[in-house]
Amino acid sequence: NKIIVPDGVLSIGESAFWGCSGLRSINIPDTTTSIGEYAFNDCASLTSVHITNLAKWCEMCYNHNVYYPYEANFTRIFSALCFAKKGEYDNG
């Protein structure tokens, strides 16, 4: 129910975790610079996200209008992270 993306991973591919209903937590390292479409689609249990370099992610996403319309939980969590300027979100 927890995934730790290893350092050195550059991207999370399209539909990578689609339908992982048991996924509750994910750690994303600062080496990961992109997330493919639908990567977290249907991950209804996702309540905890840790992003190592949050400032970089927030800048990248807001400057390039990146958003995740099909990943409601991830988008909600990610938006809260950027708004709070913290690297972790846990609502579980």
PDB file of N, CA and C in Angstrom:
ATOM      1  N   ASN A   1       0.794  -1.195   0.000  1.00  0.00           N
ATOM      2  CA  ASN A   1       0.000   0.000   0.000  1.00  0.00           C
ATOM      3  C   ASN A   1       0.842   1.267   0.000  1.00  0.00           C
ATOM      4  N   LYS A   2       2.186   1.111   0.075  1.00  0.00           N
ATOM      5  CA  LYS A   2       3.095   2.260   0.035  1.00  0.00           C
ATOM      6  C   LYS A   2       4.135   2.030  -1.056  1.00  0.00           C
ATOM      7  N   ILE A   3       4.381   3.070  -1.840  1.00  0.00           N
ATOM      8  CA  ILE A   3       5.378   2.989  -2.894  1.00  0.00           C
ATOM      9  C   ILE A   3       6.430   4.054  -2.652  1.00  0.00           C
ATOM     10  N   ILE A   4       7.688   3.647  -2.729  1.00  0.00           N
ATOM     11  CA  ILE A   4       8.801   4.582  -2.665  1.00  0.00           C
ATOM     12  C   ILE A   4       9.486   4.527  -4.021  1.00  0.00           C
ATOM     13  N   VAL A   5       9.347   5.601  -4.784  1.00  0.00           N
ATOM     14  CA  VAL A   5       9.985   5.667  -6.090  1.00  0.00           C
ATOM     15  C   VAL A   5      11.480   5.854  -5.840  1.00  0.00           C
ATOM     16  N   PRO A   6      12.326   4.982  -6.397  1.00  0.00           N
ATOM     17  CA  PRO A   6      13.764   5.064  -6.126  1.00  0.00           C
ATOM     18  C   PRO A   6      14.404   6.328  -6.712  1.00  0.00           C
ATOM     19  N   ASP A   7      15.446   6.822  -6.038  1.00  0.00           N
ATOM     20  CA  ASP A   7      16.233   7.924  -6.580  1.00  0.00           C
ATOM     21  C   ASP A   7      16.743   7.511  -7.954  1.00  0.00           C
ATOM     22  N   GLY A   8      16.785   8.459  -8.859  1.00  0.00           N
ATOM     23  CA  GLY A   8      17.262   8.189 -10.206  1.00  0.00           C
ATOM     24  C   GLY A   8      16.147   7.982 -11.216  1.00  0.00           C
ATOM     25  N   VAL A   9      14.935   7.698 -10.732  1.00  0.00           N
ATOM     26  CA  VAL A   9      13.795   7.543 -11.639  1.00  0.00           C
ATOM     27  C   VAL A   9      13.411   8.922 -12.160  1.00  0.00           C
ATOM     28  N   LEU A  10      13.415   9.079 -13.489  1.00  0.00           N
ATOM     29  CA  LEU A  10      13.167  10.377 -14.107  1.00  0.00           C
ATOM     30  C   LEU A  10      11.693  10.682 -14.306  1.00  0.00           C
ATOM     31  N   SER A  11      10.896   9.653 -14.557  1.00  0.00           N
ATOM     32  CA  SER A  11       9.478   9.912 -14.786  1.00  0.00           C
ATOM     33  C   SER A  11       8.634   8.735 -14.311  1.00  0.00           C
ATOM     34  N   ILE A  12       7.390   9.050 -14.003  1.00  0.00           N
ATOM     35  CA  ILE A  12       6.382   8.034 -13.693  1.00  0.00           C
ATOM     36  C   ILE A  12       5.520   7.957 -14.936  1.00  0.00           C
ATOM     37  N   GLY A  13       5.468   6.813 -15.543  1.00  0.00           N
ATOM     38  CA  GLY A  13       4.832   6.654 -16.845  1.00  0.00           C
ATOM     39  C   GLY A  13       3.322   6.779 -16.847  1.00  0.00           C
ATOM     40  N   GLU A  14       2.800   6.975 -18.031  1.00  0.00           N
ATOM     41  CA  GLU A  14       1.362   7.069 -18.249  1.00  0.00           C
ATOM     42  C   GLU A  14       0.685   5.814 -17.706  1.00  0.00           C
ATOM     43  N   SER A  15      -0.357   6.016 -16.923  1.00  0.00           N
ATOM     44  CA  SER A  15      -1.178   4.928 -16.354  1.00  0.00           C
ATOM     45  C   SER A  15      -0.402   4.008 -15.412  1.00  0.00           C
ATOM     46  N   ALA A  16       0.733   4.456 -14.893  1.00  0.00           N
ATOM     47  CA  ALA A  16       1.612   3.603 -14.082  1.00  0.00           C
ATOM     48  C   ALA A  16       0.908   2.942 -12.898  1.00  0.00           C
ATOM     49  N   PHE A  17       0.081   3.685 -12.196  1.00  0.00           N
ATOM     50  CA  PHE A  17      -0.587   3.142 -11.010  1.00  0.00           C
ATOM     51  C   PHE A  17      -2.104   3.126 -11.162  1.00  0.00           C
ATOM     52  N   TRP A  18      -2.576   3.227 -12.375  1.00  0.00           N
ATOM     53  CA  TRP A  18      -4.007   3.248 -12.664  1.00  0.00           C
ATOM     54  C   TRP A  18      -4.692   2.064 -11.977  1.00  0.00           C
ATOM     55  N   GLY A  19      -5.715   2.363 -11.227  1.00  0.00           N
ATOM     56  CA  GLY A  19      -6.527   1.314 -10.611  1.00  0.00           C
ATOM     57  C   GLY A  19      -5.914   0.668  -9.382  1.00  0.00           C
ATOM     58  N   CYS A  20      -4.815   1.205  -8.871  1.00  0.00           N
ATOM     59  CA  CYS A  20      -4.210   0.649  -7.649  1.00  0.00           C
ATOM     60  C   CYS A  20      -5.015   1.154  -6.457  1.00  0.00           C
ATOM     61  N   SER A  21      -6.135   0.520  -6.258  1.00  0.00           N
ATOM     62  CA  SER A  21      -7.073   0.993  -5.235  1.00  0.00           C
ATOM     63  C   SER A  21      -6.505   0.891  -3.828  1.00  0.00           C
ATOM     64  N   GLY A  22      -5.500   0.056  -3.618  1.00  0.00           N
ATOM     65  CA  GLY A  22      -4.903  -0.090  -2.302  1.00  0.00           C
ATOM     66  C   GLY A  22      -3.753   0.868  -2.036  1.00  0.00           C
ATOM     67  N   LEU A  23      -3.356   1.631  -3.054  1.00  0.00           N
ATOM     68  CA  LEU A  23      -2.245   2.567  -2.880  1.00  0.00           C
ATOM     69  C   LEU A  23      -2.663   3.688  -1.935  1.00  0.00           C
ATOM     70  N   ARG A  24      -1.954   3.780  -0.813  1.00  0.00           N
ATOM     71  CA  ARG A  24      -2.287   4.787   0.191  1.00  0.00           C
ATOM     72  C   ARG A  24      -1.224   5.875   0.298  1.00  0.00           C
ATOM     73  N   SER A  25       0.019   5.546  -0.071  1.00  0.00           N
ATOM     74  CA  SER A  25       1.117   6.476   0.141  1.00  0.00           C
ATOM     75  C   SER A  25       2.162   6.329  -0.957  1.00  0.00           C
ATOM     76  N   ILE A  26       2.752   7.461  -1.374  1.00  0.00           N
ATOM     77  CA  ILE A  26       3.832   7.428  -2.356  1.00  0.00           C
ATOM     78  C   ILE A  26       4.873   8.477  -2.011  1.00  0.00           C
ATOM     79  N   ASN A  27       6.148   8.099  -2.160  1.00  0.00           N
ATOM     80  CA  ASN A  27       7.273   9.011  -2.004  1.00  0.00           C
ATOM     81  C   ASN A  27       7.875   9.232  -3.391  1.00  0.00           C
ATOM     82  N   ILE A  28       8.015  10.489  -3.797  1.00  0.00           N
ATOM     83  CA  ILE A  28       8.547  10.835  -5.117  1.00  0.00           C
ATOM     84  C   ILE A  28       9.840  11.624  -4.916  1.00  0.00           C
ATOM     85  N   PRO A  29      10.993  11.103  -5.438  1.00  0.00           N
ATOM     86  CA  PRO A  29      12.273  11.785  -5.233  1.00  0.00           C
ATOM     87  C   PRO A  29      12.424  12.991  -6.159  1.00  0.00           C
ATOM     88  N   ASP A  30      13.427  13.829  -5.877  1.00  0.00           N
ATOM     89  CA  ASP A  30      13.619  15.022  -6.707  1.00  0.00           C
ATOM     90  C   ASP A  30      14.148  14.705  -8.095  1.00  0.00           C
ATOM     91  N   THR A  31      14.591  13.467  -8.324  1.00  0.00           N
ATOM     92  CA  THR A  31      15.033  13.100  -9.671  1.00  0.00           C
ATOM     93  C   THR A  31      13.858  12.899 -10.623  1.00  0.00           C
ATOM     94  N   THR A  32      12.683  12.660 -10.080  1.00  0.00           N
ATOM     95  CA  THR A  32      11.486  12.476 -10.905  1.00  0.00           C
ATOM     96  C   THR A  32      10.959  13.845 -11.312  1.00  0.00           C
ATOM     97  N   THR A  33      10.942  14.089 -12.620  1.00  0.00           N
ATOM     98  CA  THR A  33      10.569  15.414 -13.115  1.00  0.00           C
ATOM     99  C   THR A  33       9.292  15.424 -13.939  1.00  0.00           C
ATOM    100  N   SER A  34       8.690  14.255 -14.133  1.00  0.00           N
ATOM    101  CA  SER A  34       7.416  14.257 -14.858  1.00  0.00           C
ATOM    102  C   SER A  34       6.558  13.073 -14.434  1.00  0.00           C
ATOM    103  N   ILE A  35       5.254  13.290 -14.551  1.00  0.00           N
ATOM    104  CA  ILE A  35       4.274  12.249 -14.257  1.00  0.00           C
ATOM    105  C   ILE A  35       3.357  12.146 -15.462  1.00  0.00           C
ATOM    106  N   GLY A  36       3.234  10.951 -16.013  1.00  0.00           N
ATOM    107  CA  GLY A  36       2.410  10.740 -17.193  1.00  0.00           C
ATOM    108  C   GLY A  36       0.923  10.833 -16.891  1.00  0.00           C
ATOM    109  N   GLU A  37       0.175  11.056 -17.957  1.00  0.00           N
ATOM    110  CA  GLU A  37      -1.284  11.138 -17.819  1.00  0.00           C
ATOM    111  C   GLU A  37      -1.835   9.866 -17.196  1.00  0.00           C
ATOM    112  N   TYR A  38      -2.846  10.037 -16.395  1.00  0.00           N
ATOM    113  CA  TYR A  38      -3.575   8.935 -15.763  1.00  0.00           C
ATOM    114  C   TYR A  38      -2.725   8.092 -14.809  1.00  0.00           C
ATOM    115  N   ALA A  39      -1.540   8.575 -14.436  1.00  0.00           N
ATOM    116  CA  ALA A  39      -0.636   7.784 -13.598  1.00  0.00           C
ATOM    117  C   ALA A  39      -1.291   7.366 -12.281  1.00  0.00           C
ATOM    118  N   PHE A  40      -2.154   8.228 -11.731  1.00  0.00           N
ATOM    119  CA  PHE A  40      -2.791   7.916 -10.454  1.00  0.00           C
ATOM    120  C   PHE A  40      -4.308   7.833 -10.586  1.00  0.00           C
ATOM    121  N   ASN A  41      -4.778   7.568 -11.779  1.00  0.00           N
ATOM    122  CA  ASN A  41      -6.219   7.459 -12.011  1.00  0.00           C
ATOM    123  C   ASN A  41      -6.779   6.283 -11.217  1.00  0.00           C
ATOM    124  N   ASP A  42      -7.890   6.509 -10.555  1.00  0.00           N
ATOM    125  CA  ASP A  42      -8.575   5.467  -9.794  1.00  0.00           C
ATOM    126  C   ASP A  42      -7.788   4.977  -8.583  1.00  0.00           C
ATOM    127  N   CYS A  43      -6.973   5.848  -8.005  1.00  0.00           N
ATOM    128  CA  CYS A  43      -6.253   5.524  -6.769  1.00  0.00           C
ATOM    129  C   CYS A  43      -7.017   6.171  -5.614  1.00  0.00           C
ATOM    130  N   ALA A  44      -8.185   5.651  -5.354  1.00  0.00           N
ATOM    131  CA  ALA A  44      -9.111   6.268  -4.400  1.00  0.00           C
ATOM    132  C   ALA A  44      -8.590   6.284  -2.971  1.00  0.00           C
ATOM    133  N   SER A  45      -7.661   5.403  -2.616  1.00  0.00           N
ATOM    134  CA  SER A  45      -7.167   5.333  -1.243  1.00  0.00           C
ATOM    135  C   SER A  45      -5.936   6.201  -1.005  1.00  0.00           C
ATOM    136  N   LEU A  46      -5.431   6.856  -2.045  1.00  0.00           N
ATOM    137  CA  LEU A  46      -4.215   7.665  -1.906  1.00  0.00           C
ATOM    138  C   LEU A  46      -4.470   8.844  -0.976  1.00  0.00           C
ATOM    139  N   THR A  47      -3.788   8.832   0.161  1.00  0.00           N
ATOM    140  CA  THR A  47      -3.984   9.898   1.149  1.00  0.00           C
ATOM    141  C   THR A  47      -2.676  10.533   1.597  1.00  0.00           C
ATOM    142  N   SER A  48      -1.533   9.973   1.190  1.00  0.00           N
ATOM    143  CA  SER A  48      -0.254  10.492   1.650  1.00  0.00           C
ATOM    144  C   SER A  48       0.734  10.576   0.493  1.00  0.00           C
ATOM    145  N   VAL A  49       1.322  11.773   0.309  1.00  0.00           N
ATOM    146  CA  VAL A  49       2.306  11.989  -0.740  1.00  0.00           C
ATOM    147  C   VAL A  49       3.499  12.713  -0.129  1.00  0.00           C
ATOM    148  N   HIS A  50       4.696  12.250  -0.446  1.00  0.00           N
ATOM    149  CA  HIS A  50       5.917  12.954  -0.039  1.00  0.00           C
ATOM    150  C   HIS A  50       6.703  13.265  -1.308  1.00  0.00           C
ATOM    151  N   ILE A  51       6.994  14.546  -1.517  1.00  0.00           N
ATOM    152  CA  ILE A  51       7.775  14.989  -2.671  1.00  0.00           C
ATOM    153  C   ILE A  51       9.031  15.652  -2.126  1.00  0.00           C
ATOM    154  N   THR A  52      10.213  15.119  -2.522  1.00  0.00           N
ATOM    155  CA  THR A  52      11.472  15.583  -1.968  1.00  0.00           C
ATOM    156  C   THR A  52      11.749  17.049  -2.261  1.00  0.00           C
ATOM    157  N   ASN A  53      11.585  17.472  -3.513  1.00  0.00           N
ATOM    158  CA  ASN A  53      11.879  18.852  -3.881  1.00  0.00           C
ATOM    159  C   ASN A  53      10.583  19.545  -4.284  1.00  0.00           C
ATOM    160  N   LEU A  54       9.788  19.888  -3.308  1.00  0.00           N
ATOM    161  CA  LEU A  54       8.458  20.443  -3.569  1.00  0.00           C
ATOM    162  C   LEU A  54       8.508  21.751  -4.341  1.00  0.00           C
ATOM    163  N   ALA A  55       9.444  22.626  -4.019  1.00  0.00           N
ATOM    164  CA  ALA A  55       9.519  23.928  -4.695  1.00  0.00           C
ATOM    165  C   ALA A  55       9.681  23.747  -6.201  1.00  0.00           C
ATOM    166  N   LYS A  56      10.534  22.804  -6.598  1.00  0.00           N
ATOM    167  CA  LYS A  56      10.743  22.540  -8.024  1.00  0.00           C
ATOM    168  C   LYS A  56       9.458  22.049  -8.675  1.00  0.00           C
ATOM    169  N   TRP A  57       8.753  21.148  -7.995  1.00  0.00           N
ATOM    170  CA  TRP A  57       7.516  20.595  -8.542  1.00  0.00           C
ATOM    171  C   TRP A  57       6.443  21.657  -8.680  1.00  0.00           C
ATOM    172  N   CYS A  58       6.269  22.462  -7.668  1.00  0.00           N
ATOM    173  CA  CYS A  58       5.231  23.493  -7.710  1.00  0.00           C
ATOM    174  C   CYS A  58       5.524  24.499  -8.806  1.00  0.00           C
ATOM    175  N   GLU A  59       6.781  24.905  -8.913  1.00  0.00           N
ATOM    176  CA  GLU A  59       7.162  25.854  -9.961  1.00  0.00           C
ATOM    177  C   GLU A  59       6.918  25.261 -11.340  1.00  0.00           C
ATOM    178  N   MET A  60       7.333  24.020 -11.537  1.00  0.00           N
ATOM    179  CA  MET A  60       7.160  23.362 -12.825  1.00  0.00           C
ATOM    180  C   MET A  60       5.676  23.251 -13.182  1.00  0.00           C
ATOM    181  N   CYS A  61       4.875  22.824 -12.255  1.00  0.00           N
ATOM    182  CA  CYS A  61       3.460  22.601 -12.542  1.00  0.00           C
ATOM    183  C   CYS A  61       2.694  23.892 -12.760  1.00  0.00           C
ATOM    184  N   TYR A  62       2.946  24.889 -11.952  1.00  0.00           N
ATOM    185  CA  TYR A  62       2.204  26.127 -12.111  1.00  0.00           C
ATOM    186  C   TYR A  62       2.698  26.949 -13.294  1.00  0.00           C
ATOM    187  N   ASN A  63       3.993  26.908 -13.564  1.00  0.00           N
ATOM    188  CA  ASN A  63       4.522  27.662 -14.694  1.00  0.00           C
ATOM    189  C   ASN A  63       4.132  27.051 -16.032  1.00  0.00           C
ATOM    190  N   HIS A  64       3.908  25.770 -16.043  1.00  0.00           N
ATOM    191  CA  HIS A  64       3.577  25.090 -17.299  1.00  0.00           C
ATOM    192  C   HIS A  64       2.128  24.615 -17.340  1.00  0.00           C
ATOM    193  N   ASN A  65       1.325  25.094 -16.406  1.00  0.00           N
ATOM    194  CA  ASN A  65      -0.095  24.741 -16.341  1.00  0.00           C
ATOM    195  C   ASN A  65      -0.337  23.236 -16.336  1.00  0.00           C
ATOM    196  N   VAL A  66       0.498  22.522 -15.620  1.00  0.00           N
ATOM    197  CA  VAL A  66       0.331  21.082 -15.501  1.00  0.00           C
ATOM    198  C   VAL A  66      -0.712  20.812 -14.420  1.00  0.00           C
ATOM    199  N   TYR A  67      -1.623  19.949 -14.706  1.00  0.00           N
ATOM    200  CA  TYR A  67      -2.592  19.529 -13.705  1.00  0.00           C
ATOM    201  C   TYR A  67      -3.022  18.118 -14.032  1.00  0.00           C
ATOM    202  N   TYR A  68      -3.655  17.486 -13.111  1.00  0.00           N
ATOM    203  CA  TYR A  68      -3.998  16.081 -13.242  1.00  0.00           C
ATOM    204  C   TYR A  68      -5.502  15.908 -13.092  1.00  0.00           C
ATOM    205  N   PRO A  69      -6.260  16.227 -14.146  1.00  0.00           N
ATOM    206  CA  PRO A  69      -7.715  16.235 -14.025  1.00  0.00           C
ATOM    207  C   PRO A  69      -8.341  14.872 -13.761  1.00  0.00           C
ATOM    208  N   TYR A  70      -7.656  13.804 -14.109  1.00  0.00           N
ATOM    209  CA  TYR A  70      -8.247  12.480 -13.956  1.00  0.00           C
ATOM    210  C   TYR A  70      -7.808  11.793 -12.672  1.00  0.00           C
ATOM    211  N   GLU A  71      -6.916  12.424 -11.942  1.00  0.00           N
ATOM    212  CA  GLU A  71      -6.427  11.858 -10.696  1.00  0.00           C
ATOM    213  C   GLU A  71      -6.872  12.750  -9.542  1.00  0.00           C
ATOM    214  N   ALA A  72      -8.118  12.704  -9.204  1.00  0.00           N
ATOM    215  CA  ALA A  72      -8.698  13.636  -8.233  1.00  0.00           C
ATOM    216  C   ALA A  72      -7.940  13.654  -6.905  1.00  0.00           C
ATOM    217  N   ASN A  73      -7.634  12.498  -6.342  1.00  0.00           N
ATOM    218  CA  ASN A  73      -6.930  12.461  -5.063  1.00  0.00           C
ATOM    219  C   ASN A  73      -5.536  13.053  -5.190  1.00  0.00           C
ATOM    220  N   PHE A  74      -4.793  12.669  -6.237  1.00  0.00           N
ATOM    221  CA  PHE A  74      -3.443  13.186  -6.409  1.00  0.00           C
ATOM    222  C   PHE A  74      -3.462  14.695  -6.614  1.00  0.00           C
ATOM    223  N   THR A  75      -4.376  15.181  -7.432  1.00  0.00           N
ATOM    224  CA  THR A  75      -4.468  16.619  -7.681  1.00  0.00           C
ATOM    225  C   THR A  75      -4.800  17.373  -6.403  1.00  0.00           C
ATOM    226  N   ARG A  76      -5.736  16.878  -5.627  1.00  0.00           N
ATOM    227  CA  ARG A  76      -6.110  17.526  -4.360  1.00  0.00           C
ATOM    228  C   ARG A  76      -4.924  17.562  -3.414  1.00  0.00           C
ATOM    229  N   ILE A  77      -4.237  16.446  -3.284  1.00  0.00           N
ATOM    230  CA  ILE A  77      -3.090  16.367  -2.388  1.00  0.00           C
ATOM    231  C   ILE A  77      -1.964  17.264  -2.886  1.00  0.00           C
ATOM    232  N   PHE A  78      -1.663  17.180  -4.177  1.00  0.00           N
ATOM    233  CA  PHE A  78      -0.576  17.976  -4.739  1.00  0.00           C
ATOM    234  C   PHE A  78      -0.850  19.470  -4.589  1.00  0.00           C
ATOM    235  N   SER A  79      -2.067  19.892  -4.837  1.00  0.00           N
ATOM    236  CA  SER A  79      -2.428  21.301  -4.673  1.00  0.00           C
ATOM    237  C   SER A  79      -2.250  21.743  -3.222  1.00  0.00           C
ATOM    238  N   ALA A  80      -2.646  20.884  -2.282  1.00  0.00           N
ATOM    239  CA  ALA A  80      -2.485  21.212  -0.866  1.00  0.00           C
ATOM    240  C   ALA A  80      -1.010  21.322  -0.505  1.00  0.00           C
ATOM    241  N   LEU A  81      -0.183  20.444  -1.063  1.00  0.00           N
ATOM    242  CA  LEU A  81       1.253  20.502  -0.815  1.00  0.00           C
ATOM    243  C   LEU A  81       1.828  21.836  -1.260  1.00  0.00           C
ATOM    244  N   CYS A  82       1.517  22.228  -2.484  1.00  0.00           N
ATOM    245  CA  CYS A  82       2.061  23.468  -3.032  1.00  0.00           C
ATOM    246  C   CYS A  82       1.534  24.674  -2.271  1.00  0.00           C
ATOM    247  N   PHE A  83       0.279  24.643  -1.918  1.00  0.00           N
ATOM    248  CA  PHE A  83      -0.311  25.753  -1.191  1.00  0.00           C
ATOM    249  C   PHE A  83       0.341  25.920   0.184  1.00  0.00           C
ATOM    250  N   ALA A  84       0.583  24.803   0.840  1.00  0.00           N
ATOM    251  CA  ALA A  84       1.157  24.832   2.188  1.00  0.00           C
ATOM    252  C   ALA A  84       2.681  24.971   2.157  1.00  0.00           C
ATOM    253  N   LYS A  85       3.285  24.763   0.980  1.00  0.00           N
ATOM    254  CA  LYS A  85       4.744  24.817   0.832  1.00  0.00           C
ATOM    255  C   LYS A  85       5.450  23.808   1.735  1.00  0.00           C
ATOM    256  N   LYS A  86       4.860  22.633   1.842  1.00  0.00           N
ATOM    257  CA  LYS A  86       5.454  21.557   2.610  1.00  0.00           C
ATOM    258  C   LYS A  86       5.718  20.398   1.662  1.00  0.00           C
ATOM    259  N   GLY A  87       6.639  19.547   1.998  1.00  0.00           N
ATOM    260  CA  GLY A  87       6.966  18.405   1.158  1.00  0.00           C
ATOM    261  C   GLY A  87       6.166  17.175   1.448  1.00  0.00           C
ATOM    262  N   GLU A  88       5.291  17.247   2.443  1.00  0.00           N
ATOM    263  CA  GLU A  88       4.513  16.068   2.787  1.00  0.00           C
ATOM    264  C   GLU A  88       3.060  16.416   3.018  1.00  0.00           C
ATOM    265  N   TYR A  89       2.216  15.503   2.646  1.00  0.00           N
ATOM    266  CA  TYR A  89       0.790  15.629   2.900  1.00  0.00           C
ATOM    267  C   TYR A  89       0.323  14.285   3.421  1.00  0.00           C
ATOM    268  N   ASP A  90      -0.347  14.283   4.515  1.00  0.00           N
ATOM    269  CA  ASP A  90      -0.874  13.040   5.060  1.00  0.00           C
ATOM    270  C   ASP A  90      -2.260  13.299   5.611  1.00  0.00           C
ATOM    271  N   ASN A  91      -3.232  12.686   4.973  1.00  0.00           N
ATOM    272  CA  ASN A  91      -4.612  12.845   5.400  1.00  0.00           C
ATOM    273  C   ASN A  91      -5.200  11.455   5.679  1.00  0.00           C
ATOM    274  N   GLY A  92      -4.337  10.559   6.111  1.00  0.00           N
ATOM    275  CA  GLY A  92      -4.786   9.177   6.299  1.00  0.00           C
ATOM    276  C   GLY A  92      -4.983   8.775   7.704  1.00  0.00           C
TER     277      GLY A  92
END
